[in-house]
């Protein structure tokens, strides 16, 4: 089994980073970029996913890491919810929605898998 020594080695963090980059790219385009409130909110939620994974990992304990992973998972759900707002408001098309939604769901699944592992792991 691979030993993960840095938060950058956590697959969920890498995928969350890619999600944040994709959200920034899409929200920089018009008409999305003109909705400053939604643009700011979805960006902050996407950044929160990767930030909470990193912060939890660096806390150095399984209990703390789990707590921050739960927050990260909630932030991923917030991104998904905001994607619906963007779609319904005509700020993104169905193809963009589907791609970002799928990427967000993938991050959520990775976080869920990590949470399950930490629940059954005997490591502290």
PDB file of N, CA and C in Angstrom:
ATOM      1  N   UNK A   1       0.838  -1.187   0.000  1.00  0.00           N
ATOM      2  CA  UNK A   1       0.000   0.000   0.000  1.00  0.00           C
ATOM      3  C   UNK A   1       0.881   1.247   0.000  1.00  0.00           C
ATOM      4  N   UNK A   2       0.478   2.228  -0.744  1.00  0.00           N
ATOM      5  CA  UNK A   2       1.210   3.478  -0.841  1.00  0.00           C
ATOM      6  C   UNK A   2       1.009   4.302   0.425  1.00  0.00           C
ATOM      7  N   UNK A   3       2.100   4.840   0.923  1.00  0.00           N
ATOM      8  CA  UNK A   3       2.029   5.730   2.079  1.00  0.00           C
ATOM      9  C   UNK A   3       1.856   7.150   1.561  1.00  0.00           C
ATOM     10  N   UNK A   4       0.874   7.825   2.070  1.00  0.00           N
ATOM     11  CA  UNK A   4       0.606   9.202   1.668  1.00  0.00           C
ATOM     12  C   UNK A   4       1.248  10.110   2.712  1.00  0.00           C
ATOM     13  N   UNK A   5       2.198  10.895   2.260  1.00  0.00           N
ATOM     14  CA  UNK A   5       2.954  11.742   3.180  1.00  0.00           C
ATOM     15  C   UNK A   5       2.544  13.215   3.126  1.00  0.00           C
ATOM     16  N   UNK A   6       1.941  13.627   2.006  1.00  0.00           N
ATOM     17  CA  UNK A   6       1.552  15.022   1.828  1.00  0.00           C
ATOM     18  C   UNK A   6       0.111  15.068   1.332  1.00  0.00           C
ATOM     19  N   UNK A   7      -0.582  16.145   1.642  1.00  0.00           N
ATOM     20  CA  UNK A   7      -1.969  16.239   1.168  1.00  0.00           C
ATOM     21  C   UNK A   7      -2.022  16.225  -0.347  1.00  0.00           C
ATOM     22  N   UNK A   8      -0.955  16.678  -1.003  1.00  0.00           N
ATOM     23  CA  UNK A   8      -0.917  16.686  -2.459  1.00  0.00           C
ATOM     24  C   UNK A   8      -0.943  15.281  -3.051  1.00  0.00           C
ATOM     25  N   UNK A   9      -0.630  14.277  -2.236  1.00  0.00           N
ATOM     26  CA  UNK A   9      -0.652  12.884  -2.675  1.00  0.00           C
ATOM     27  C   UNK A   9      -2.035  12.242  -2.554  1.00  0.00           C
ATOM     28  N   UNK A  10      -2.963  12.922  -1.922  1.00  0.00           N
ATOM     29  CA  UNK A  10      -4.322  12.394  -1.730  1.00  0.00           C
ATOM     30  C   UNK A  10      -5.091  12.575  -3.039  1.00  0.00           C
ATOM     31  N   UNK A  11      -5.573  11.473  -3.598  1.00  0.00           N
ATOM     32  CA  UNK A  11      -6.263  11.531  -4.889  1.00  0.00           C
ATOM     33  C   UNK A  11      -7.476  12.458  -4.839  1.00  0.00           C
ATOM     34  N   UNK A  12      -8.214  12.443  -3.749  1.00  0.00           N
ATOM     35  CA  UNK A  12      -9.380  13.318  -3.630  1.00  0.00           C
ATOM     36  C   UNK A  12      -8.968  14.785  -3.710  1.00  0.00           C
ATOM     37  N   UNK A  13      -7.820  15.125  -3.139  1.00  0.00           N
ATOM     38  CA  UNK A  13      -7.343  16.510  -3.205  1.00  0.00           C
ATOM     39  C   UNK A  13      -6.986  16.873  -4.647  1.00  0.00           C
ATOM     40  N   UNK A  14      -6.289  15.980  -5.344  1.00  0.00           N
ATOM     41  CA  UNK A  14      -5.912  16.244  -6.739  1.00  0.00           C
ATOM     42  C   UNK A  14      -7.140  16.464  -7.610  1.00  0.00           C
ATOM     43  N   UNK A  15      -8.149  15.640  -7.409  1.00  0.00           N
ATOM     44  CA  UNK A  15      -9.389  15.795  -8.186  1.00  0.00           C
ATOM     45  C   UNK A  15     -10.139  17.064  -7.780  1.00  0.00           C
ATOM     46  N   UNK A  16     -10.095  17.417  -6.504  1.00  0.00           N
ATOM     47  CA  UNK A  16     -10.727  18.657  -6.046  1.00  0.00           C
ATOM     48  C   UNK A  16     -10.015  19.872  -6.644  1.00  0.00           C
ATOM     49  N   UNK A  17      -8.710  19.782  -6.775  1.00  0.00           N
ATOM     50  CA  UNK A  17      -7.944  20.855  -7.412  1.00  0.00           C
ATOM     51  C   UNK A  17      -8.377  21.021  -8.865  1.00  0.00           C
ATOM     52  N   UNK A  18      -8.522  19.907  -9.576  1.00  0.00           N
ATOM     53  CA  UNK A  18      -8.974  19.955 -10.971  1.00  0.00           C
ATOM     54  C   UNK A  18     -10.394  20.529 -11.054  1.00  0.00           C
ATOM     55  N   UNK A  19     -11.239  20.171 -10.098  1.00  0.00           N
ATOM     56  CA  UNK A  19     -12.598  20.720 -10.059  1.00  0.00           C
ATOM     57  C   UNK A  19     -12.555  22.236  -9.881  1.00  0.00           C
ATOM     58  N   UNK A  20     -11.764  22.710  -8.941  1.00  0.00           N
ATOM     59  CA  UNK A  20     -11.666  24.153  -8.698  1.00  0.00           C
ATOM     60  C   UNK A  20     -11.184  24.876  -9.955  1.00  0.00           C
ATOM     61  N   UNK A  21     -10.211  24.305 -10.629  1.00  0.00           N
ATOM     62  CA  UNK A  21      -9.710  24.899 -11.867  1.00  0.00           C
ATOM     63  C   UNK A  21     -10.804  24.966 -12.926  1.00  0.00           C
ATOM     64  N   UNK A  22     -11.572  23.888 -13.062  1.00  0.00           N
ATOM     65  CA  UNK A  22     -12.655  23.854 -14.049  1.00  0.00           C
ATOM     66  C   UNK A  22     -13.741  24.869 -13.704  1.00  0.00           C
ATOM     67  N   UNK A  23     -14.082  24.974 -12.427  1.00  0.00           N
ATOM     68  CA  UNK A  23     -15.094  25.947 -11.990  1.00  0.00           C
ATOM     69  C   UNK A  23     -14.616  27.365 -12.290  1.00  0.00           C
ATOM     70  N   UNK A  24     -13.356  27.654 -11.998  1.00  0.00           N
ATOM     71  CA  UNK A  24     -12.812  28.982 -12.303  1.00  0.00           C
ATOM     72  C   UNK A  24     -12.872  29.268 -13.798  1.00  0.00           C
ATOM     73  N   UNK A  25     -12.525  28.287 -14.610  1.00  0.00           N
ATOM     74  CA  UNK A  25     -12.542  28.489 -16.065  1.00  0.00           C
ATOM     75  C   UNK A  25     -13.945  28.778 -16.582  1.00  0.00           C
ATOM     76  N   UNK A  26     -14.896  27.972 -16.165  1.00  0.00           N
ATOM     77  CA  UNK A  26     -16.275  28.137 -16.643  1.00  0.00           C
ATOM     78  C   UNK A  26     -16.883  29.434 -16.123  1.00  0.00           C
ATOM     79  N   UNK A  27     -16.634  29.748 -14.864  1.00  0.00           N
ATOM     80  CA  UNK A  27     -17.252  30.944 -14.282  1.00  0.00           C
ATOM     81  C   UNK A  27     -16.593  32.239 -14.767  1.00  0.00           C
ATOM     82  N   UNK A  28     -15.464  32.132 -15.450  1.00  0.00           N
ATOM     83  CA  UNK A  28     -14.813  33.316 -16.011  1.00  0.00           C
ATOM     84  C   UNK A  28     -15.440  33.724 -17.348  1.00  0.00           C
ATOM     85  N   UNK A  29     -16.237  32.832 -17.925  1.00  0.00           N
ATOM     86  CA  UNK A  29     -16.861  33.093 -19.222  1.00  0.00           C
ATOM     87  C   UNK A  29     -18.192  33.821 -19.048  1.00  0.00           C
ATOM     88  N   UNK A  30     -18.532  34.629 -20.047  1.00  0.00           N
ATOM     89  CA  UNK A  30     -19.850  35.262 -20.038  1.00  0.00           C
ATOM     90  C   UNK A  30     -20.876  34.268 -20.531  1.00  0.00           C
ATOM     91  N   UNK A  31     -22.073  34.270 -20.044  1.00  0.00           N
ATOM     92  CA  UNK A  31     -22.635  35.261 -19.138  1.00  0.00           C
ATOM     93  C   UNK A  31     -22.388  34.964 -17.650  1.00  0.00           C
ATOM     94  N   UNK A  32     -21.810  33.801 -17.335  1.00  0.00           N
ATOM     95  CA  UNK A  32     -21.607  33.416 -15.939  1.00  0.00           C
ATOM     96  C   UNK A  32     -20.846  34.491 -15.169  1.00  0.00           C
ATOM     97  N   UNK A  33     -19.807  35.023 -15.772  1.00  0.00           N
ATOM     98  CA  UNK A  33     -18.939  35.973 -15.069  1.00  0.00           C
ATOM     99  C   UNK A  33     -19.670  37.245 -14.643  1.00  0.00           C
ATOM    100  N   UNK A  34     -20.797  37.539 -15.291  1.00  0.00           N
ATOM    101  CA  UNK A  34     -21.549  38.746 -14.928  1.00  0.00           C
ATOM    102  C   UNK A  34     -22.385  38.557 -13.675  1.00  0.00           C
ATOM    103  N   UNK A  35     -22.654  37.318 -13.292  1.00  0.00           N
ATOM    104  CA  UNK A  35     -23.381  37.058 -12.042  1.00  0.00           C
ATOM    105  C   UNK A  35     -22.344  36.945 -10.927  1.00  0.00           C
ATOM    106  N   UNK A  36     -21.958  38.096 -10.415  1.00  0.00           N
ATOM    107  CA  UNK A  36     -20.851  38.156  -9.460  1.00  0.00           C
ATOM    108  C   UNK A  36     -21.116  37.358  -8.187  1.00  0.00           C
ATOM    109  N   UNK A  37     -22.345  37.372  -7.711  1.00  0.00           N
ATOM    110  CA  UNK A  37     -22.670  36.634  -6.494  1.00  0.00           C
ATOM    111  C   UNK A  37     -22.509  35.138  -6.671  1.00  0.00           C
ATOM    112  N   UNK A  38     -23.124  34.585  -7.715  1.00  0.00           N
ATOM    113  CA  UNK A  38     -23.033  33.147  -7.952  1.00  0.00           C
ATOM    114  C   UNK A  38     -21.606  32.752  -8.316  1.00  0.00           C
ATOM    115  N   UNK A  39     -20.960  33.570  -9.119  1.00  0.00           N
ATOM    116  CA  UNK A  39     -19.581  33.298  -9.523  1.00  0.00           C
ATOM    117  C   UNK A  39     -18.682  33.187  -8.286  1.00  0.00           C
ATOM    118  N   UNK A  40     -18.799  34.141  -7.390  1.00  0.00           N
ATOM    119  CA  UNK A  40     -17.990  34.128  -6.160  1.00  0.00           C
ATOM    120  C   UNK A  40     -18.336  32.929  -5.288  1.00  0.00           C
ATOM    121  N   UNK A  41     -19.624  32.647  -5.136  1.00  0.00           N
ATOM    122  CA  UNK A  41     -20.062  31.565  -4.258  1.00  0.00           C
ATOM    123  C   UNK A  41     -19.604  30.187  -4.750  1.00  0.00           C
ATOM    124  N   UNK A  42     -19.760  29.915  -6.036  1.00  0.00           N
ATOM    125  CA  UNK A  42     -19.375  28.603  -6.552  1.00  0.00           C
ATOM    126  C   UNK A  42     -17.852  28.441  -6.519  1.00  0.00           C
ATOM    127  N   UNK A  43     -17.139  29.531  -6.759  1.00  0.00           N
ATOM    128  CA  UNK A  43     -15.676  29.473  -6.670  1.00  0.00           C
ATOM    129  C   UNK A  43     -15.234  29.194  -5.233  1.00  0.00           C
ATOM    130  N   UNK A  44     -15.824  29.891  -4.288  1.00  0.00           N
ATOM    131  CA  UNK A  44     -15.450  29.670  -2.881  1.00  0.00           C
ATOM    132  C   UNK A  44     -15.777  28.256  -2.440  1.00  0.00           C
ATOM    133  N   UNK A  45     -16.900  27.722  -2.894  1.00  0.00           N
ATOM    134  CA  UNK A  45     -17.271  26.349  -2.527  1.00  0.00           C
ATOM    135  C   UNK A  45     -16.279  25.352  -3.123  1.00  0.00           C
ATOM    136  N   UNK A  46     -15.887  25.557  -4.380  1.00  0.00           N
ATOM    137  CA  UNK A  46     -14.934  24.649  -5.024  1.00  0.00           C
ATOM    138  C   UNK A  46     -13.572  24.703  -4.331  1.00  0.00           C
ATOM    139  N   UNK A  47     -13.124  25.896  -3.988  1.00  0.00           N
ATOM    140  CA  UNK A  47     -11.853  26.039  -3.278  1.00  0.00           C
ATOM    141  C   UNK A  47     -11.949  25.415  -1.887  1.00  0.00           C
ATOM    142  N   UNK A  48     -13.109  25.511  -1.275  1.00  0.00           N
ATOM    143  CA  UNK A  48     -13.312  24.927   0.050  1.00  0.00           C
ATOM    144  C   UNK A  48     -13.118  23.415   0.053  1.00  0.00           C
ATOM    145  N   UNK A  49     -13.515  22.758  -1.027  1.00  0.00           N
ATOM    146  CA  UNK A  49     -13.353  21.302  -1.106  1.00  0.00           C
ATOM    147  C   UNK A  49     -11.881  20.946  -0.961  1.00  0.00           C
ATOM    148  N   UNK A  50     -11.037  21.523  -1.803  1.00  0.00           N
ATOM    149  CA  UNK A  50      -9.614  21.171  -1.761  1.00  0.00           C
ATOM    150  C   UNK A  50      -8.941  21.691  -0.502  1.00  0.00           C
ATOM    151  N   UNK A  51      -9.366  22.849  -0.026  1.00  0.00           N
ATOM    152  CA  UNK A  51      -8.754  23.426   1.174  1.00  0.00           C
ATOM    153  C   UNK A  51      -9.044  22.589   2.415  1.00  0.00           C
ATOM    154  N   UNK A  52     -10.262  22.096   2.531  1.00  0.00           N
ATOM    155  CA  UNK A  52     -10.610  21.295   3.707  1.00  0.00           C
ATOM    156  C   UNK A  52      -9.932  19.926   3.692  1.00  0.00           C
ATOM    157  N   UNK A  53      -9.749  19.353   2.519  1.00  0.00           N
ATOM    158  CA  UNK A  53      -8.997  18.095   2.440  1.00  0.00           C
ATOM    159  C   UNK A  53      -7.567  18.337   2.918  1.00  0.00           C
ATOM    160  N   UNK A  54      -6.953  19.404   2.435  1.00  0.00           N
ATOM    161  CA  UNK A  54      -5.576  19.731   2.812  1.00  0.00           C
ATOM    162  C   UNK A  54      -5.470  20.031   4.310  1.00  0.00           C
ATOM    163  N   UNK A  55      -6.363  20.871   4.811  1.00  0.00           N
ATOM    164  CA  UNK A  55      -6.296  21.243   6.221  1.00  0.00           C
ATOM    165  C   UNK A  55      -6.511  20.042   7.129  1.00  0.00           C
ATOM    166  N   UNK A  56      -7.487  19.220   6.795  1.00  0.00           N
ATOM    167  CA  UNK A  56      -7.749  18.034   7.608  1.00  0.00           C
ATOM    168  C   UNK A  56      -6.570  17.080   7.629  1.00  0.00           C
ATOM    169  N   UNK A  57      -5.952  16.899   6.480  1.00  0.00           N
ATOM    170  CA  UNK A  57      -4.792  16.010   6.393  1.00  0.00           C
ATOM    171  C   UNK A  57      -3.662  16.521   7.282  1.00  0.00           C
ATOM    172  N   UNK A  58      -3.420  17.816   7.250  1.00  0.00           N
ATOM    173  CA  UNK A  58      -2.320  18.408   8.001  1.00  0.00           C
ATOM    174  C   UNK A  58      -2.593  18.479   9.503  1.00  0.00           C
ATOM    175  N   UNK A  59      -3.813  18.278   9.924  1.00  0.00           N
ATOM    176  CA  UNK A  59      -4.126  18.280  11.350  1.00  0.00           C
ATOM    177  C   UNK A  59      -3.481  17.106  12.075  1.00  0.00           C
ATOM    178  N   UNK A  60      -3.155  16.058  11.320  1.00  0.00           N
ATOM    179  CA  UNK A  60      -2.359  14.975  11.872  1.00  0.00           C
ATOM    180  C   UNK A  60      -3.097  13.886  12.624  1.00  0.00           C
ATOM    181  N   UNK A  61      -4.393  13.879  12.605  1.00  0.00           N
ATOM    182  CA  UNK A  61      -5.127  12.821  13.284  1.00  0.00           C
ATOM    183  C   UNK A  61      -6.321  12.368  12.470  1.00  0.00           C
ATOM    184  N   UNK A  62      -6.678  11.114  12.635  1.00  0.00           N
ATOM    185  CA  UNK A  62      -7.777  10.539  11.860  1.00  0.00           C
ATOM    186  C   UNK A  62      -9.106  11.232  12.165  1.00  0.00           C
ATOM    187  N   UNK A  63      -9.354  11.536  13.434  1.00  0.00           N
ATOM    188  CA  UNK A  63     -10.623  12.176  13.806  1.00  0.00           C
ATOM    189  C   UNK A  63     -10.741  13.551  13.148  1.00  0.00           C
ATOM    190  N   UNK A  64      -9.670  14.332  13.225  1.00  0.00           N
ATOM    191  CA  UNK A  64      -9.685  15.662  12.613  1.00  0.00           C
ATOM    192  C   UNK A  64      -9.807  15.566  11.094  1.00  0.00           C
ATOM    193  N   UNK A  65      -9.070  14.630  10.498  1.00  0.00           N
ATOM    194  CA  UNK A  65      -9.122  14.468   9.049  1.00  0.00           C
ATOM    195  C   UNK A  65     -10.545  14.132   8.615  1.00  0.00           C
ATOM    196  N   UNK A  66     -11.196  13.215   9.328  1.00  0.00           N
ATOM    197  CA  UNK A  66     -12.573  12.843   9.006  1.00  0.00           C
ATOM    198  C   UNK A  66     -13.497  14.062   9.083  1.00  0.00           C
ATOM    199  N   UNK A  67     -13.333  14.857  10.109  1.00  0.00           N
ATOM    200  CA  UNK A  67     -14.193  16.039  10.287  1.00  0.00           C
ATOM    201  C   UNK A  67     -14.054  16.984   9.093  1.00  0.00           C
ATOM    202  N   UNK A  68     -12.832  17.220   8.658  1.00  0.00           N
ATOM    203  CA  UNK A  68     -12.610  18.120   7.530  1.00  0.00           C
ATOM    204  C   UNK A  68     -13.046  17.498   6.208  1.00  0.00           C
ATOM    205  N   UNK A  69     -12.942  16.188   6.094  1.00  0.00           N
ATOM    206  CA  UNK A  69     -13.444  15.522   4.887  1.00  0.00           C
ATOM    207  C   UNK A  69     -14.958  15.670   4.780  1.00  0.00           C
ATOM    208  N   UNK A  70     -15.644  15.599   5.897  1.00  0.00           N
ATOM    209  CA  UNK A  70     -17.099  15.783   5.899  1.00  0.00           C
ATOM    210  C   UNK A  70     -17.454  17.199   5.440  1.00  0.00           C
ATOM    211  N   UNK A  71     -16.685  18.170   5.897  1.00  0.00           N
ATOM    212  CA  UNK A  71     -16.908  19.558   5.458  1.00  0.00           C
ATOM    213  C   UNK A  71     -16.631  19.673   3.954  1.00  0.00           C
ATOM    214  N   UNK A  72     -15.553  19.051   3.487  1.00  0.00           N
ATOM    215  CA  UNK A  72     -15.223  19.082   2.057  1.00  0.00           C
ATOM    216  C   UNK A  72     -16.335  18.458   1.224  1.00  0.00           C
ATOM    217  N   UNK A  73     -16.883  17.359   1.715  1.00  0.00           N
ATOM    218  CA  UNK A  73     -17.978  16.685   1.002  1.00  0.00           C
ATOM    219  C   UNK A  73     -19.200  17.601   0.930  1.00  0.00           C
ATOM    220  N   UNK A  74     -19.465  18.316   2.002  1.00  0.00           N
ATOM    221  CA  UNK A  74     -20.569  19.277   1.999  1.00  0.00           C
ATOM    222  C   UNK A  74     -20.337  20.406   1.008  1.00  0.00           C
ATOM    223  N   UNK A  75     -19.106  20.867   0.914  1.00  0.00           N
ATOM    224  CA  UNK A  75     -18.776  21.920  -0.055  1.00  0.00           C
ATOM    225  C   UNK A  75     -18.944  21.423  -1.486  1.00  0.00           C
ATOM    226  N   UNK A  76     -18.613  20.154  -1.729  1.00  0.00           N
ATOM    227  CA  UNK A  76     -18.828  19.575  -3.059  1.00  0.00           C
ATOM    228  C   UNK A  76     -20.325  19.554  -3.391  1.00  0.00           C
ATOM    229  N   UNK A  77     -21.147  19.239  -2.415  1.00  0.00           N
ATOM    230  CA  UNK A  77     -22.596  19.266  -2.631  1.00  0.00           C
ATOM    231  C   UNK A  77     -23.064  20.687  -2.922  1.00  0.00           C
ATOM    232  N   UNK A  78     -22.447  21.653  -2.268  1.00  0.00           N
ATOM    233  CA  UNK A  78     -22.785  23.052  -2.527  1.00  0.00           C
ATOM    234  C   UNK A  78     -22.448  23.421  -3.971  1.00  0.00           C
ATOM    235  N   UNK A  79     -21.307  22.972  -4.478  1.00  0.00           N
ATOM    236  CA  UNK A  79     -20.956  23.218  -5.882  1.00  0.00           C
ATOM    237  C   UNK A  79     -22.018  22.616  -6.789  1.00  0.00           C
ATOM    238  N   UNK A  80     -22.425  21.381  -6.505  1.00  0.00           N
ATOM    239  CA  UNK A  80     -23.443  20.734  -7.342  1.00  0.00           C
ATOM    240  C   UNK A  80     -24.742  21.533  -7.327  1.00  0.00           C
ATOM    241  N   UNK A  81     -25.158  21.998  -6.168  1.00  0.00           N
ATOM    242  CA  UNK A  81     -26.395  22.780  -6.066  1.00  0.00           C
ATOM    243  C   UNK A  81     -26.278  24.079  -6.870  1.00  0.00           C
ATOM    244  N   UNK A  82     -25.132  24.732  -6.802  1.00  0.00           N
ATOM    245  CA  UNK A  82     -24.942  25.988  -7.524  1.00  0.00           C
ATOM    246  C   UNK A  82     -24.875  25.772  -9.033  1.00  0.00           C
ATOM    247  N   UNK A  83     -24.438  24.586  -9.439  1.00  0.00           N
ATOM    248  CA  UNK A  83     -24.467  24.264 -10.863  1.00  0.00           C
ATOM    249  C   UNK A  83     -25.902  24.255 -11.383  1.00  0.00           C
ATOM    250  N   UNK A  84     -26.839  23.775 -10.565  1.00  0.00           N
ATOM    251  CA  UNK A  84     -28.247  23.809 -10.957  1.00  0.00           C
ATOM    252  C   UNK A  84     -28.724  25.253 -11.118  1.00  0.00           C
ATOM    253  N   UNK A  85     -28.306  26.123 -10.206  1.00  0.00           N
ATOM    254  CA  UNK A  85     -28.692  27.530 -10.308  1.00  0.00           C
ATOM    255  C   UNK A  85     -28.151  28.121 -11.613  1.00  0.00           C
ATOM    256  N   UNK A  86     -26.889  27.827 -11.900  1.00  0.00           N
ATOM    257  CA  UNK A  86     -26.272  28.346 -13.130  1.00  0.00           C
ATOM    258  C   UNK A  86     -26.982  27.815 -14.375  1.00  0.00           C
ATOM    259  N   UNK A  87     -27.341  26.537 -14.355  1.00  0.00           N
ATOM    260  CA  UNK A  87     -28.059  25.942 -15.488  1.00  0.00           C
ATOM    261  C   UNK A  87     -29.435  26.580 -15.637  1.00  0.00           C
ATOM    262  N   UNK A  88     -30.178  26.653 -14.539  1.00  0.00           N
ATOM    263  CA  UNK A  88     -31.541  27.195 -14.588  1.00  0.00           C
ATOM    264  C   UNK A  88     -31.566  28.664 -14.993  1.00  0.00           C
ATOM    265  N   UNK A  89     -30.500  29.396 -14.657  1.00  0.00           N
ATOM    266  CA  UNK A  89     -30.429  30.816 -15.011  1.00  0.00           C
ATOM    267  C   UNK A  89     -29.879  31.034 -16.421  1.00  0.00           C
ATOM    268  N   UNK A  90     -29.526  29.946 -17.098  1.00  0.00           N
ATOM    269  CA  UNK A  90     -29.008  30.063 -18.456  1.00  0.00           C
ATOM    270  C   UNK A  90     -27.553  30.527 -18.522  1.00  0.00           C
ATOM    271  N   UNK A  91     -26.829  30.363 -17.421  1.00  0.00           N
ATOM    272  CA  UNK A  91     -25.432  30.806 -17.384  1.00  0.00           C
ATOM    273  C   UNK A  91     -24.478  29.753 -17.933  1.00  0.00           C
ATOM    274  N   UNK A  92     -24.927  28.485 -17.941  1.00  0.00           N
ATOM    275  CA  UNK A  92     -24.165  27.387 -18.533  1.00  0.00           C
ATOM    276  C   UNK A  92     -25.129  26.512 -19.317  1.00  0.00           C
ATOM    277  N   UNK A  93     -24.592  25.784 -20.277  1.00  0.00           N
ATOM    278  CA  UNK A  93     -25.432  24.877 -21.064  1.00  0.00           C
ATOM    279  C   UNK A  93     -25.424  23.480 -20.427  1.00  0.00           C
ATOM    280  N   UNK A  94     -26.245  22.601 -20.966  1.00  0.00           N
ATOM    281  CA  UNK A  94     -26.378  21.248 -20.408  1.00  0.00           C
ATOM    282  C   UNK A  94     -25.064  20.473 -20.451  1.00  0.00           C
ATOM    283  N   UNK A  95     -24.298  20.631 -21.510  1.00  0.00           N
ATOM    284  CA  UNK A  95     -23.036  19.906 -21.639  1.00  0.00           C
ATOM    285  C   UNK A  95     -22.050  20.333 -20.553  1.00  0.00           C
ATOM    286  N   UNK A  96     -21.957  21.631 -20.322  1.00  0.00           N
ATOM    287  CA  UNK A  96     -21.073  22.152 -19.276  1.00  0.00           C
ATOM    288  C   UNK A  96     -21.551  21.697 -17.905  1.00  0.00           C
ATOM    289  N   UNK A  97     -22.861  21.779 -17.691  1.00  0.00           N
ATOM    290  CA  UNK A  97     -23.432  21.308 -16.424  1.00  0.00           C
ATOM    291  C   UNK A  97     -23.067  19.844 -16.192  1.00  0.00           C
ATOM    292  N   UNK A  98     -23.307  19.001 -17.196  1.00  0.00           N
ATOM    293  CA  UNK A  98     -23.045  17.566 -17.046  1.00  0.00           C
ATOM    294  C   UNK A  98     -21.576  17.286 -16.734  1.00  0.00           C
ATOM    295  N   UNK A  99     -20.686  17.981 -17.413  1.00  0.00           N
ATOM    296  CA  UNK A  99     -19.249  17.764 -17.203  1.00  0.00           C
ATOM    297  C   UNK A  99     -18.822  18.173 -15.795  1.00  0.00           C
ATOM    298  N   UNK A 100     -19.271  19.340 -15.360  1.00  0.00           N
ATOM    299  CA  UNK A 100     -18.895  19.802 -14.021  1.00  0.00           C
ATOM    300  C   UNK A 100     -19.588  18.986 -12.934  1.00  0.00           C
ATOM    301  N   UNK A 101     -20.836  18.633 -13.167  1.00  0.00           N
ATOM    302  CA  UNK A 101     -21.560  17.815 -12.191  1.00  0.00           C
ATOM    303  C   UNK A 101     -20.853  16.464 -12.023  1.00  0.00           C
ATOM    304  N   UNK A 102     -20.480  15.855 -13.131  1.00  0.00           N
ATOM    305  CA  UNK A 102     -19.794  14.569 -13.093  1.00  0.00           C
ATOM    306  C   UNK A 102     -18.464  14.669 -12.345  1.00  0.00           C
ATOM    307  N   UNK A 103     -17.733  15.717 -12.615  1.00  0.00           N
ATOM    308  CA  UNK A 103     -16.448  15.922 -11.930  1.00  0.00           C
ATOM    309  C   UNK A 103     -16.667  16.124 -10.428  1.00  0.00           C
ATOM    310  N   UNK A 104     -17.689  16.876 -10.079  1.00  0.00           N
ATOM    311  CA  UNK A 104     -17.988  17.112  -8.668  1.00  0.00           C
ATOM    312  C   UNK A 104     -18.418  15.821  -7.984  1.00  0.00           C
ATOM    313  N   UNK A 105     -19.218  15.020  -8.667  1.00  0.00           N
ATOM    314  CA  UNK A 105     -19.661  13.738  -8.105  1.00  0.00           C
ATOM    315  C   UNK A 105     -18.471  12.799  -7.916  1.00  0.00           C
ATOM    316  N   UNK A 106     -17.529  12.835  -8.826  1.00  0.00           N
ATOM    317  CA  UNK A 106     -16.329  12.015  -8.706  1.00  0.00           C
ATOM    318  C   UNK A 106     -15.537  12.393  -7.448  1.00  0.00           C
ATOM    319  N   UNK A 107     -15.389  13.685  -7.210  1.00  0.00           N
ATOM    320  CA  UNK A 107     -14.703  14.154  -6.001  1.00  0.00           C
ATOM    321  C   UNK A 107     -15.461  13.691  -4.756  1.00  0.00           C
ATOM    322  N   UNK A 108     -16.772  13.817  -4.785  1.00  0.00           N
ATOM    323  CA  UNK A 108     -17.605  13.374  -3.662  1.00  0.00           C
ATOM    324  C   UNK A 108     -17.398  11.890  -3.390  1.00  0.00           C
ATOM    325  N   UNK A 109     -17.360  11.098  -4.444  1.00  0.00           N
ATOM    326  CA  UNK A 109     -17.158   9.653  -4.288  1.00  0.00           C
ATOM    327  C   UNK A 109     -15.786   9.335  -3.706  1.00  0.00           C
ATOM    328  N   UNK A 110     -14.761  10.043  -4.149  1.00  0.00           N
ATOM    329  CA  UNK A 110     -13.417   9.831  -3.605  1.00  0.00           C
ATOM    330  C   UNK A 110     -13.355  10.193  -2.123  1.00  0.00           C
ATOM    331  N   UNK A 111     -13.984  11.294  -1.761  1.00  0.00           N
ATOM    332  CA  UNK A 111     -14.022  11.688  -0.356  1.00  0.00           C
ATOM    333  C   UNK A 111     -14.771  10.637   0.456  1.00  0.00           C
ATOM    334  N   UNK A 112     -15.890  10.160  -0.073  1.00  0.00           N
ATOM    335  CA  UNK A 112     -16.660   9.115   0.612  1.00  0.00           C
ATOM    336  C   UNK A 112     -15.842   7.855   0.818  1.00  0.00           C
ATOM    337  N   UNK A 113     -15.076   7.460  -0.189  1.00  0.00           N
ATOM    338  CA  UNK A 113     -14.221   6.284  -0.064  1.00  0.00           C
ATOM    339  C   UNK A 113     -13.151   6.480   0.995  1.00  0.00           C
ATOM    340  N   UNK A 114     -12.592   7.665   1.036  1.00  0.00           N
ATOM    341  CA  UNK A 114     -11.583   7.968   2.046  1.00  0.00           C
ATOM    342  C   UNK A 114     -12.194   7.960   3.445  1.00  0.00           C
ATOM    343  N   UNK A 115     -13.386   8.480   3.568  1.00  0.00           N
ATOM    344  CA  UNK A 115     -14.088   8.440   4.865  1.00  0.00           C
ATOM    345  C   UNK A 115     -14.347   6.998   5.301  1.00  0.00           C
ATOM    346  N   UNK A 116     -14.773   6.162   4.366  1.00  0.00           N
ATOM    347  CA  UNK A 116     -15.005   4.745   4.701  1.00  0.00           C
ATOM    348  C   UNK A 116     -13.715   4.070   5.132  1.00  0.00           C
ATOM    349  N   UNK A 117     -12.638   4.352   4.412  1.00  0.00           N
ATOM    350  CA  UNK A 117     -11.341   3.773   4.770  1.00  0.00           C
ATOM    351  C   UNK A 117     -10.931   4.202   6.184  1.00  0.00           C
ATOM    352  N   UNK A 118     -11.065   5.487   6.475  1.00  0.00           N
ATOM    353  CA  UNK A 118     -10.667   5.991   7.792  1.00  0.00           C
ATOM    354  C   UNK A 118     -11.548   5.418   8.900  1.00  0.00           C
ATOM    355  N   UNK A 119     -12.799   5.085   8.574  1.00  0.00           N
ATOM    356  CA  UNK A 119     -13.698   4.489   9.568  1.00  0.00           C
ATOM    357  C   UNK A 119     -13.294   3.073   9.925  1.00  0.00           C
ATOM    358  N   UNK A 120     -12.706   2.365   8.979  1.00  0.00           N
ATOM    359  CA  UNK A 120     -12.356   0.957   9.216  1.00  0.00           C
ATOM    360  C   UNK A 120     -10.879   0.765   9.525  1.00  0.00           C
ATOM    361  N   UNK A 121     -10.085   1.810   9.279  1.00  0.00           N
ATOM    362  CA  UNK A 121      -8.639   1.703   9.478  1.00  0.00           C
ATOM    363  C   UNK A 121      -8.294   1.726  10.964  1.00  0.00           C
ATOM    364  N   UNK A 122      -7.255   0.958  11.300  1.00  0.00           N
ATOM    365  CA  UNK A 122      -6.777   0.951  12.694  1.00  0.00           C
ATOM    366  C   UNK A 122      -5.685   1.988  12.917  1.00  0.00           C
ATOM    367  N   UNK A 123      -5.240   2.646  11.829  1.00  0.00           N
ATOM    368  CA  UNK A 123      -4.216   3.678  11.958  1.00  0.00           C
ATOM    369  C   UNK A 123      -4.823   4.933  12.565  1.00  0.00           C
ATOM    370  N   UNK A 124      -4.019   5.637  13.367  1.00  0.00           N
ATOM    371  CA  UNK A 124      -4.546   6.867  13.992  1.00  0.00           C
ATOM    372  C   UNK A 124      -4.246   8.089  13.188  1.00  0.00           C
TER     373      UNK A 124
END
